[in-house]
């Protein structure tokens, strides 16, 4: 069946439109897939996450690509960093938010319209779309368009291979406890560290304890116009922006 005409029957002879999780890649529109580009240029409805009062990175990436008259659905996070992840209210608030977003998208689908949910990076890699997918997959037709991840763009920006031979790559979240970070950093050959933000000092300490600090690179805004690349040790005292990734390259077996 053609990707643009997939529908699902519901009661009373009605049909549901497909809800697409469309990966946009790391930020440069030229790194988007051909399928994502085609879907965007023919879209009737698009939805995207953003912080209240902001345009949103996903919407910024597709600027100039959407057809005239497209219906836009902005899903504004009720919290971002205002409440600690360990606070029980955090999950409660976000759970209600995702339930509300699911309801809005299902209404569009039940009306017979396709809707594209724009996702930075890949939809199934630490993204908000996953929380919609698990709520929608049993009640509406849902498809996913994979994409280049932010970490792929980050290690490409360092101009060095991330893994060699039998190297083990570990993707770590800066939100993890310091002792857990240290243990994982010691066990893996190559590292990608995400969700840095306010966790930067903890991450620095963990890298130092694991003996990996001097090999770490900080990439900010990978594949975006204001991309920067430097050794983490040269960025002491810096407050890292949201779109930041730390890379430690593997040095494994090679011919």
C-alpha atoms as a PDB file:
ATOM      1  CA  UNK A   1       0.000   0.000   0.000  1.00  0.00           C
ATOM      2  CA  UNK A   2       1.242   3.474  -0.810  1.00  0.00           C
ATOM      3  CA  UNK A   3       2.642   5.299   2.211  1.00  0.00           C
ATOM      4  CA  UNK A   4       0.402   8.287   1.536  1.00  0.00           C
ATOM      5  CA  UNK A   5      -2.865   6.358   1.410  1.00  0.00           C
ATOM      6  CA  UNK A   6      -2.684   3.998   4.373  1.00  0.00           C
ATOM      7  CA  UNK A   7      -5.983   3.993   6.266  1.00  0.00           C
ATOM      8  CA  UNK A   8      -7.723   1.805   8.837  1.00  0.00           C
ATOM      9  CA  UNK A   9     -11.428   1.050   9.123  1.00  0.00           C
ATOM     10  CA  UNK A  10     -13.337   2.099  12.248  1.00  0.00           C
ATOM     11  CA  UNK A  11     -17.012   1.950  13.177  1.00  0.00           C
ATOM     12  CA  UNK A  12     -19.857   3.254  10.982  1.00  0.00           C
ATOM     13  CA  UNK A  13     -17.799   2.827   7.818  1.00  0.00           C
ATOM     14  CA  UNK A  14     -15.370   5.583   8.772  1.00  0.00           C
ATOM     15  CA  UNK A  15     -11.627   5.337   8.265  1.00  0.00           C
ATOM     16  CA  UNK A  16      -8.743   6.486  10.411  1.00  0.00           C
ATOM     17  CA  UNK A  17      -5.830   8.429   9.029  1.00  0.00           C
ATOM     18  CA  UNK A  18      -2.311   7.257   9.785  1.00  0.00           C
ATOM     19  CA  UNK A  19      -0.348   8.955  12.562  1.00  0.00           C
ATOM     20  CA  UNK A  20       3.271   9.217  11.455  1.00  0.00           C
ATOM     21  CA  UNK A  21       6.238   9.618  13.777  1.00  0.00           C
ATOM     22  CA  UNK A  22       8.586  11.404  11.391  1.00  0.00           C
ATOM     23  CA  UNK A  23      12.257  11.537  12.316  1.00  0.00           C
ATOM     24  CA  UNK A  24      13.797  14.807  11.151  1.00  0.00           C
ATOM     25  CA  UNK A  25      17.419  13.982  11.853  1.00  0.00           C
ATOM     26  CA  UNK A  26      19.873  16.020  13.934  1.00  0.00           C
ATOM     27  CA  UNK A  27      18.982  19.501  12.655  1.00  0.00           C
ATOM     28  CA  UNK A  28      20.234  20.004   9.119  1.00  0.00           C
ATOM     29  CA  UNK A  29      17.291  19.549   6.694  1.00  0.00           C
ATOM     30  CA  UNK A  30      19.722  18.071   4.146  1.00  0.00           C
ATOM     31  CA  UNK A  31      20.253  15.115   6.496  1.00  0.00           C
ATOM     32  CA  UNK A  32      16.550  14.277   6.457  1.00  0.00           C
ATOM     33  CA  UNK A  33      15.379  11.108   4.695  1.00  0.00           C
ATOM     34  CA  UNK A  34      13.687  11.219   1.298  1.00  0.00           C
ATOM     35  CA  UNK A  35      10.541   9.703   2.832  1.00  0.00           C
ATOM     36  CA  UNK A  36      10.382  12.339   5.573  1.00  0.00           C
ATOM     37  CA  UNK A  37      10.802  15.102   3.004  1.00  0.00           C
ATOM     38  CA  UNK A  38       8.025  13.666   0.816  1.00  0.00           C
ATOM     39  CA  UNK A  39       5.601  13.288   3.707  1.00  0.00           C
ATOM     40  CA  UNK A  40       6.257  16.814   4.970  1.00  0.00           C
ATOM     41  CA  UNK A  41       5.691  18.450   1.602  1.00  0.00           C
ATOM     42  CA  UNK A  42       2.330  16.699   1.231  1.00  0.00           C
ATOM     43  CA  UNK A  43       1.149  17.021   4.836  1.00  0.00           C
ATOM     44  CA  UNK A  44      -2.316  18.222   5.808  1.00  0.00           C
ATOM     45  CA  UNK A  45      -1.711  18.105   9.591  1.00  0.00           C
ATOM     46  CA  UNK A  46       1.547  18.294  11.557  1.00  0.00           C
ATOM     47  CA  UNK A  47       2.090  18.096  15.304  1.00  0.00           C
ATOM     48  CA  UNK A  48       5.228  18.913  17.267  1.00  0.00           C
ATOM     49  CA  UNK A  49       6.465  19.333  20.818  1.00  0.00           C
ATOM     50  CA  UNK A  50       7.815  22.594  22.097  1.00  0.00           C
ATOM     51  CA  UNK A  51       8.477  24.504  25.271  1.00  0.00           C
ATOM     52  CA  UNK A  52       5.803  27.086  26.027  1.00  0.00           C
ATOM     53  CA  UNK A  53       6.611  30.381  24.369  1.00  0.00           C
ATOM     54  CA  UNK A  54       9.163  28.833  21.992  1.00  0.00           C
ATOM     55  CA  UNK A  55       8.876  27.920  18.319  1.00  0.00           C
ATOM     56  CA  UNK A  56      10.356  24.479  18.964  1.00  0.00           C
ATOM     57  CA  UNK A  57      13.381  22.854  17.339  1.00  0.00           C
ATOM     58  CA  UNK A  58      11.363  20.323  15.329  1.00  0.00           C
ATOM     59  CA  UNK A  59       9.230  23.082  13.812  1.00  0.00           C
ATOM     60  CA  UNK A  60      12.331  25.147  13.051  1.00  0.00           C
ATOM     61  CA  UNK A  61      13.904  22.291  11.089  1.00  0.00           C
ATOM     62  CA  UNK A  62      10.945  22.079   8.681  1.00  0.00           C
ATOM     63  CA  UNK A  63      10.574  25.825   8.119  1.00  0.00           C
ATOM     64  CA  UNK A  64       9.751  26.443   4.453  1.00  0.00           C
ATOM     65  CA  UNK A  65       8.960  22.778   3.757  1.00  0.00           C
ATOM     66  CA  UNK A  66       5.289  22.573   4.760  1.00  0.00           C
ATOM     67  CA  UNK A  67       2.517  23.192   2.228  1.00  0.00           C
ATOM     68  CA  UNK A  68       0.259  26.220   2.452  1.00  0.00           C
ATOM     69  CA  UNK A  69      -2.798  25.630   4.623  1.00  0.00           C
ATOM     70  CA  UNK A  70      -1.294  22.837   6.727  1.00  0.00           C
ATOM     71  CA  UNK A  71      -2.922  22.518  10.163  1.00  0.00           C
ATOM     72  CA  UNK A  72      -0.328  22.807  12.938  1.00  0.00           C
ATOM     73  CA  UNK A  73      -0.789  21.231  16.362  1.00  0.00           C
ATOM     74  CA  UNK A  74       1.677  22.561  18.943  1.00  0.00           C
ATOM     75  CA  UNK A  75       2.053  20.308  21.993  1.00  0.00           C
ATOM     76  CA  UNK A  76       3.582  22.432  24.769  1.00  0.00           C
ATOM     77  CA  UNK A  77       5.358  20.683  27.615  1.00  0.00           C
ATOM     78  CA  UNK A  78       3.843  21.512  31.016  1.00  0.00           C
ATOM     79  CA  UNK A  79       7.264  21.084  32.665  1.00  0.00           C
ATOM     80  CA  UNK A  80      10.850  20.755  31.502  1.00  0.00           C
ATOM     81  CA  UNK A  81      13.425  21.328  34.251  1.00  0.00           C
ATOM     82  CA  UNK A  82      11.194  23.083  36.789  1.00  0.00           C
ATOM     83  CA  UNK A  83      10.602  19.850  38.750  1.00  0.00           C
ATOM     84  CA  UNK A  84      13.346  17.283  39.511  1.00  0.00           C
ATOM     85  CA  UNK A  85      13.042  13.925  37.742  1.00  0.00           C
ATOM     86  CA  UNK A  86      12.918  12.246  41.154  1.00  0.00           C
ATOM     87  CA  UNK A  87       9.796  14.183  42.199  1.00  0.00           C
ATOM     88  CA  UNK A  88       6.690  11.922  41.797  1.00  0.00           C
ATOM     89  CA  UNK A  89       4.810  14.898  40.370  1.00  0.00           C
ATOM     90  CA  UNK A  90       7.090  14.911  37.320  1.00  0.00           C
ATOM     91  CA  UNK A  91       5.793  11.640  35.896  1.00  0.00           C
ATOM     92  CA  UNK A  92       2.223  12.427  36.936  1.00  0.00           C
ATOM     93  CA  UNK A  93       2.209  15.755  35.098  1.00  0.00           C
ATOM     94  CA  UNK A  94       3.857  14.360  31.972  1.00  0.00           C
ATOM     95  CA  UNK A  95       1.583  11.321  31.934  1.00  0.00           C
ATOM     96  CA  UNK A  96      -1.485  13.584  31.862  1.00  0.00           C
ATOM     97  CA  UNK A  97       0.149  15.691  29.165  1.00  0.00           C
ATOM     98  CA  UNK A  98       0.873  12.718  26.912  1.00  0.00           C
ATOM     99  CA  UNK A  99      -2.679  11.433  27.447  1.00  0.00           C
ATOM    100  CA  UNK A 100      -4.049  14.800  26.309  1.00  0.00           C
ATOM    101  CA  UNK A 101      -1.772  14.824  23.254  1.00  0.00           C
ATOM    102  CA  UNK A 102      -2.855  11.288  22.405  1.00  0.00           C
ATOM    103  CA  UNK A 103      -6.507  12.341  22.556  1.00  0.00           C
ATOM    104  CA  UNK A 104      -5.896  15.280  20.201  1.00  0.00           C
ATOM    105  CA  UNK A 105      -4.045  13.158  17.667  1.00  0.00           C
ATOM    106  CA  UNK A 106      -6.593  10.374  17.773  1.00  0.00           C
ATOM    107  CA  UNK A 107      -9.363  12.903  17.064  1.00  0.00           C
ATOM    108  CA  UNK A 108      -7.508  13.972  13.921  1.00  0.00           C
ATOM    109  CA  UNK A 109      -6.998  10.344  12.910  1.00  0.00           C
ATOM    110  CA  UNK A 110     -10.635   9.413  13.622  1.00  0.00           C
ATOM    111  CA  UNK A 111     -11.716  12.281  11.359  1.00  0.00           C
ATOM    112  CA  UNK A 112      -9.858  10.533   8.529  1.00  0.00           C
ATOM    113  CA  UNK A 113      -6.811  12.817   8.396  1.00  0.00           C
ATOM    114  CA  UNK A 114      -3.167  11.817   8.373  1.00  0.00           C
ATOM    115  CA  UNK A 115      -1.048  13.652  10.910  1.00  0.00           C
ATOM    116  CA  UNK A 116       2.737  13.885  11.051  1.00  0.00           C
ATOM    117  CA  UNK A 117       4.313  14.083  14.494  1.00  0.00           C
ATOM    118  CA  UNK A 118       7.673  15.798  14.012  1.00  0.00           C
ATOM    119  CA  UNK A 119      10.509  14.234  15.987  1.00  0.00           C
ATOM    120  CA  UNK A 120      14.038  15.566  16.363  1.00  0.00           C
ATOM    121  CA  UNK A 121      16.601  12.867  15.654  1.00  0.00           C
ATOM    122  CA  UNK A 122      15.020   9.410  15.494  1.00  0.00           C
ATOM    123  CA  UNK A 123      11.483   8.901  16.893  1.00  0.00           C
ATOM    124  CA  UNK A 124      12.457   5.752  18.808  1.00  0.00           C
ATOM    125  CA  UNK A 125      15.666   7.079  20.367  1.00  0.00           C
ATOM    126  CA  UNK A 126      15.014   8.882  23.689  1.00  0.00           C
ATOM    127  CA  UNK A 127      12.275  10.978  22.081  1.00  0.00           C
ATOM    128  CA  UNK A 128       8.882  12.229  23.267  1.00  0.00           C
ATOM    129  CA  UNK A 129       7.113  10.521  20.369  1.00  0.00           C
ATOM    130  CA  UNK A 130       7.676   7.148  22.033  1.00  0.00           C
ATOM    131  CA  UNK A 131       5.256   8.108  24.807  1.00  0.00           C
ATOM    132  CA  UNK A 132       2.582   8.819  22.215  1.00  0.00           C
ATOM    133  CA  UNK A 133       3.350   5.663  20.246  1.00  0.00           C
ATOM    134  CA  UNK A 134       2.729   3.341  23.187  1.00  0.00           C
ATOM    135  CA  UNK A 135      -0.626   5.025  23.820  1.00  0.00           C
ATOM    136  CA  UNK A 136      -1.706   5.101  20.171  1.00  0.00           C
ATOM    137  CA  UNK A 137      -0.517   1.844  18.640  1.00  0.00           C
ATOM    138  CA  UNK A 138      -3.566  -0.171  19.754  1.00  0.00           C
ATOM    139  CA  UNK A 139      -6.187   2.442  18.843  1.00  0.00           C
ATOM    140  CA  UNK A 140      -4.954   4.010  15.593  1.00  0.00           C
ATOM    141  CA  UNK A 141      -2.683   3.185  12.626  1.00  0.00           C
ATOM    142  CA  UNK A 142       0.808   4.424  13.507  1.00  0.00           C
ATOM    143  CA  UNK A 143       3.938   4.375  11.335  1.00  0.00           C
ATOM    144  CA  UNK A 144       7.497   5.466  12.092  1.00  0.00           C
ATOM    145  CA  UNK A 145      10.022   7.086   9.754  1.00  0.00           C
ATOM    146  CA  UNK A 146      13.531   6.482  11.182  1.00  0.00           C
ATOM    147  CA  UNK A 147      16.253   9.098  10.979  1.00  0.00           C
ATOM    148  CA  UNK A 148      19.877   9.995  11.679  1.00  0.00           C
ATOM    149  CA  UNK A 149      20.374  10.555  15.401  1.00  0.00           C
ATOM    150  CA  UNK A 150      21.974  13.538  17.062  1.00  0.00           C
ATOM    151  CA  UNK A 151      24.808  11.387  18.368  1.00  0.00           C
ATOM    152  CA  UNK A 152      25.645  10.265  14.822  1.00  0.00           C
ATOM    153  CA  UNK A 153      25.994  13.900  13.798  1.00  0.00           C
ATOM    154  CA  UNK A 154      28.057  14.603  16.911  1.00  0.00           C
ATOM    155  CA  UNK A 155      30.704  11.970  16.304  1.00  0.00           C
ATOM    156  CA  UNK A 156      30.845  12.898  12.624  1.00  0.00           C
ATOM    157  CA  UNK A 157      31.552  16.477  13.737  1.00  0.00           C
ATOM    158  CA  UNK A 158      34.660  15.294  15.639  1.00  0.00           C
ATOM    159  CA  UNK A 159      36.055  13.929  12.352  1.00  0.00           C
ATOM    160  CA  UNK A 160      37.093  10.646  13.972  1.00  0.00           C
ATOM    161  CA  UNK A 161      35.518   7.153  13.995  1.00  0.00           C
ATOM    162  CA  UNK A 162      33.525   6.393  17.131  1.00  0.00           C
ATOM    163  CA  UNK A 163      34.211   2.628  17.190  1.00  0.00           C
ATOM    164  CA  UNK A 164      36.861   0.267  15.853  1.00  0.00           C
ATOM    165  CA  UNK A 165      36.864  -3.526  15.602  1.00  0.00           C
ATOM    166  CA  UNK A 166      35.258  -5.012  18.727  1.00  0.00           C
ATOM    167  CA  UNK A 167      34.745  -1.722  20.575  1.00  0.00           C
ATOM    168  CA  UNK A 168      31.686  -1.595  22.830  1.00  0.00           C
ATOM    169  CA  UNK A 169      29.702   1.651  22.562  1.00  0.00           C
ATOM    170  CA  UNK A 170      27.669   2.848  25.541  1.00  0.00           C
ATOM    171  CA  UNK A 171      25.073   5.614  25.386  1.00  0.00           C
ATOM    172  CA  UNK A 172      24.687   7.237  28.797  1.00  0.00           C
ATOM    173  CA  UNK A 173      22.264   9.784  30.198  1.00  0.00           C
ATOM    174  CA  UNK A 174      23.753  12.529  32.334  1.00  0.00           C
ATOM    175  CA  UNK A 175      20.786  12.166  34.663  1.00  0.00           C
ATOM    176  CA  UNK A 176      22.164   8.853  35.980  1.00  0.00           C
ATOM    177  CA  UNK A 177      23.768   8.757  39.457  1.00  0.00           C
ATOM    178  CA  UNK A 178      27.485   9.540  39.420  1.00  0.00           C
ATOM    179  CA  UNK A 179      28.579   6.080  40.593  1.00  0.00           C
ATOM    180  CA  UNK A 180      26.522   4.453  37.815  1.00  0.00           C
ATOM    181  CA  UNK A 181      28.099   6.765  35.249  1.00  0.00           C
ATOM    182  CA  UNK A 182      31.591   5.905  36.471  1.00  0.00           C
ATOM    183  CA  UNK A 183      30.938   2.152  36.288  1.00  0.00           C
ATOM    184  CA  UNK A 184      29.514   2.368  32.758  1.00  0.00           C
ATOM    185  CA  UNK A 185      32.316   4.658  31.588  1.00  0.00           C
ATOM    186  CA  UNK A 186      34.900   2.165  32.787  1.00  0.00           C
ATOM    187  CA  UNK A 187      33.166  -0.792  31.141  1.00  0.00           C
ATOM    188  CA  UNK A 188      32.668   0.667  27.659  1.00  0.00           C
ATOM    189  CA  UNK A 189      35.272   1.426  24.993  1.00  0.00           C
ATOM    190  CA  UNK A 190      33.412   4.309  23.349  1.00  0.00           C
ATOM    191  CA  UNK A 191      30.972   6.703  25.008  1.00  0.00           C
ATOM    192  CA  UNK A 192      28.127   8.969  24.013  1.00  0.00           C
ATOM    193  CA  UNK A 193      26.781  11.080  26.876  1.00  0.00           C
ATOM    194  CA  UNK A 194      23.493  12.926  26.454  1.00  0.00           C
ATOM    195  CA  UNK A 195      21.128  15.004  28.616  1.00  0.00           C
ATOM    196  CA  UNK A 196      24.014  17.059  29.895  1.00  0.00           C
ATOM    197  CA  UNK A 197      22.617  20.462  30.923  1.00  0.00           C
ATOM    198  CA  UNK A 198      22.685  20.868  34.682  1.00  0.00           C
ATOM    199  CA  UNK A 199      24.476  17.528  35.009  1.00  0.00           C
ATOM    200  CA  UNK A 200      27.719  18.761  33.446  1.00  0.00           C
ATOM    201  CA  UNK A 201      29.718  18.973  36.700  1.00  0.00           C
ATOM    202  CA  UNK A 202      28.648  15.457  37.701  1.00  0.00           C
ATOM    203  CA  UNK A 203      29.600  14.159  34.257  1.00  0.00           C
ATOM    204  CA  UNK A 204      33.022  15.833  34.470  1.00  0.00           C
ATOM    205  CA  UNK A 205      33.676  14.205  37.838  1.00  0.00           C
ATOM    206  CA  UNK A 206      32.557  10.810  36.563  1.00  0.00           C
ATOM    207  CA  UNK A 207      34.804  11.030  33.485  1.00  0.00           C
ATOM    208  CA  UNK A 208      37.750  12.017  35.678  1.00  0.00           C
ATOM    209  CA  UNK A 209      37.118   9.147  38.093  1.00  0.00           C
ATOM    210  CA  UNK A 210      36.842   6.726  35.161  1.00  0.00           C
ATOM    211  CA  UNK A 211      40.081   7.991  33.616  1.00  0.00           C
ATOM    212  CA  UNK A 212      38.290   9.147  30.418  1.00  0.00           C
ATOM    213  CA  UNK A 213      38.188  12.904  30.887  1.00  0.00           C
ATOM    214  CA  UNK A 214      41.155  13.880  28.700  1.00  0.00           C
ATOM    215  CA  UNK A 215      39.720  11.873  25.772  1.00  0.00           C
ATOM    216  CA  UNK A 216      36.266  13.489  25.924  1.00  0.00           C
ATOM    217  CA  UNK A 217      34.915  15.875  23.272  1.00  0.00           C
ATOM    218  CA  UNK A 218      32.044  18.314  23.669  1.00  0.00           C
ATOM    219  CA  UNK A 219      29.858  18.875  20.613  1.00  0.00           C
ATOM    220  CA  UNK A 220      27.217  21.584  20.801  1.00  0.00           C
ATOM    221  CA  UNK A 221      24.429  21.990  18.228  1.00  0.00           C
ATOM    222  CA  UNK A 222      25.628  19.088  16.059  1.00  0.00           C
ATOM    223  CA  UNK A 223      24.629  19.529  12.379  1.00  0.00           C
ATOM    224  CA  UNK A 224      23.123  22.931  13.125  1.00  0.00           C
ATOM    225  CA  UNK A 225      24.365  26.352  11.928  1.00  0.00           C
ATOM    226  CA  UNK A 226      25.985  27.196  15.284  1.00  0.00           C
ATOM    227  CA  UNK A 227      27.769  23.849  15.763  1.00  0.00           C
ATOM    228  CA  UNK A 228      30.908  23.873  17.935  1.00  0.00           C
ATOM    229  CA  UNK A 229      33.409  21.082  18.631  1.00  0.00           C
ATOM    230  CA  UNK A 230      36.104  21.147  21.314  1.00  0.00           C
ATOM    231  CA  UNK A 231      37.758  18.976  23.911  1.00  0.00           C
ATOM    232  CA  UNK A 232      35.722  18.929  27.097  1.00  0.00           C
ATOM    233  CA  UNK A 233      38.813  19.889  29.087  1.00  0.00           C
ATOM    234  CA  UNK A 234      38.977  23.132  27.094  1.00  0.00           C
ATOM    235  CA  UNK A 235      35.415  24.055  28.062  1.00  0.00           C
ATOM    236  CA  UNK A 236      35.914  24.322  31.822  1.00  0.00           C
ATOM    237  CA  UNK A 237      33.272  26.460  33.491  1.00  0.00           C
ATOM    238  CA  UNK A 238      31.028  26.446  30.418  1.00  0.00           C
ATOM    239  CA  UNK A 239      27.273  26.121  30.760  1.00  0.00           C
ATOM    240  CA  UNK A 240      26.350  23.675  28.036  1.00  0.00           C
ATOM    241  CA  UNK A 241      23.165  24.236  25.987  1.00  0.00           C
ATOM    242  CA  UNK A 242      20.388  21.644  25.636  1.00  0.00           C
ATOM    243  CA  UNK A 243      21.727  20.380  22.296  1.00  0.00           C
ATOM    244  CA  UNK A 244      25.065  19.152  23.649  1.00  0.00           C
ATOM    245  CA  UNK A 245      26.656  15.700  23.434  1.00  0.00           C
ATOM    246  CA  UNK A 246      29.910  14.402  24.890  1.00  0.00           C
ATOM    247  CA  UNK A 247      31.871  11.901  22.797  1.00  0.00           C
ATOM    248  CA  UNK A 248      34.685   9.554  23.825  1.00  0.00           C
ATOM    249  CA  UNK A 249      36.068   7.578  20.889  1.00  0.00           C
ATOM    250  CA  UNK A 250      36.925   3.901  20.994  1.00  0.00           C
ATOM    251  CA  UNK A 251      40.475   2.908  20.138  1.00  0.00           C
ATOM    252  CA  UNK A 252      39.981  -0.772  19.403  1.00  0.00           C
ATOM    253  CA  UNK A 253      41.254  -3.372  16.982  1.00  0.00           C
ATOM    254  CA  UNK A 254      42.072  -2.288  13.430  1.00  0.00           C
ATOM    255  CA  UNK A 255      44.106  -3.782  10.547  1.00  0.00           C
END
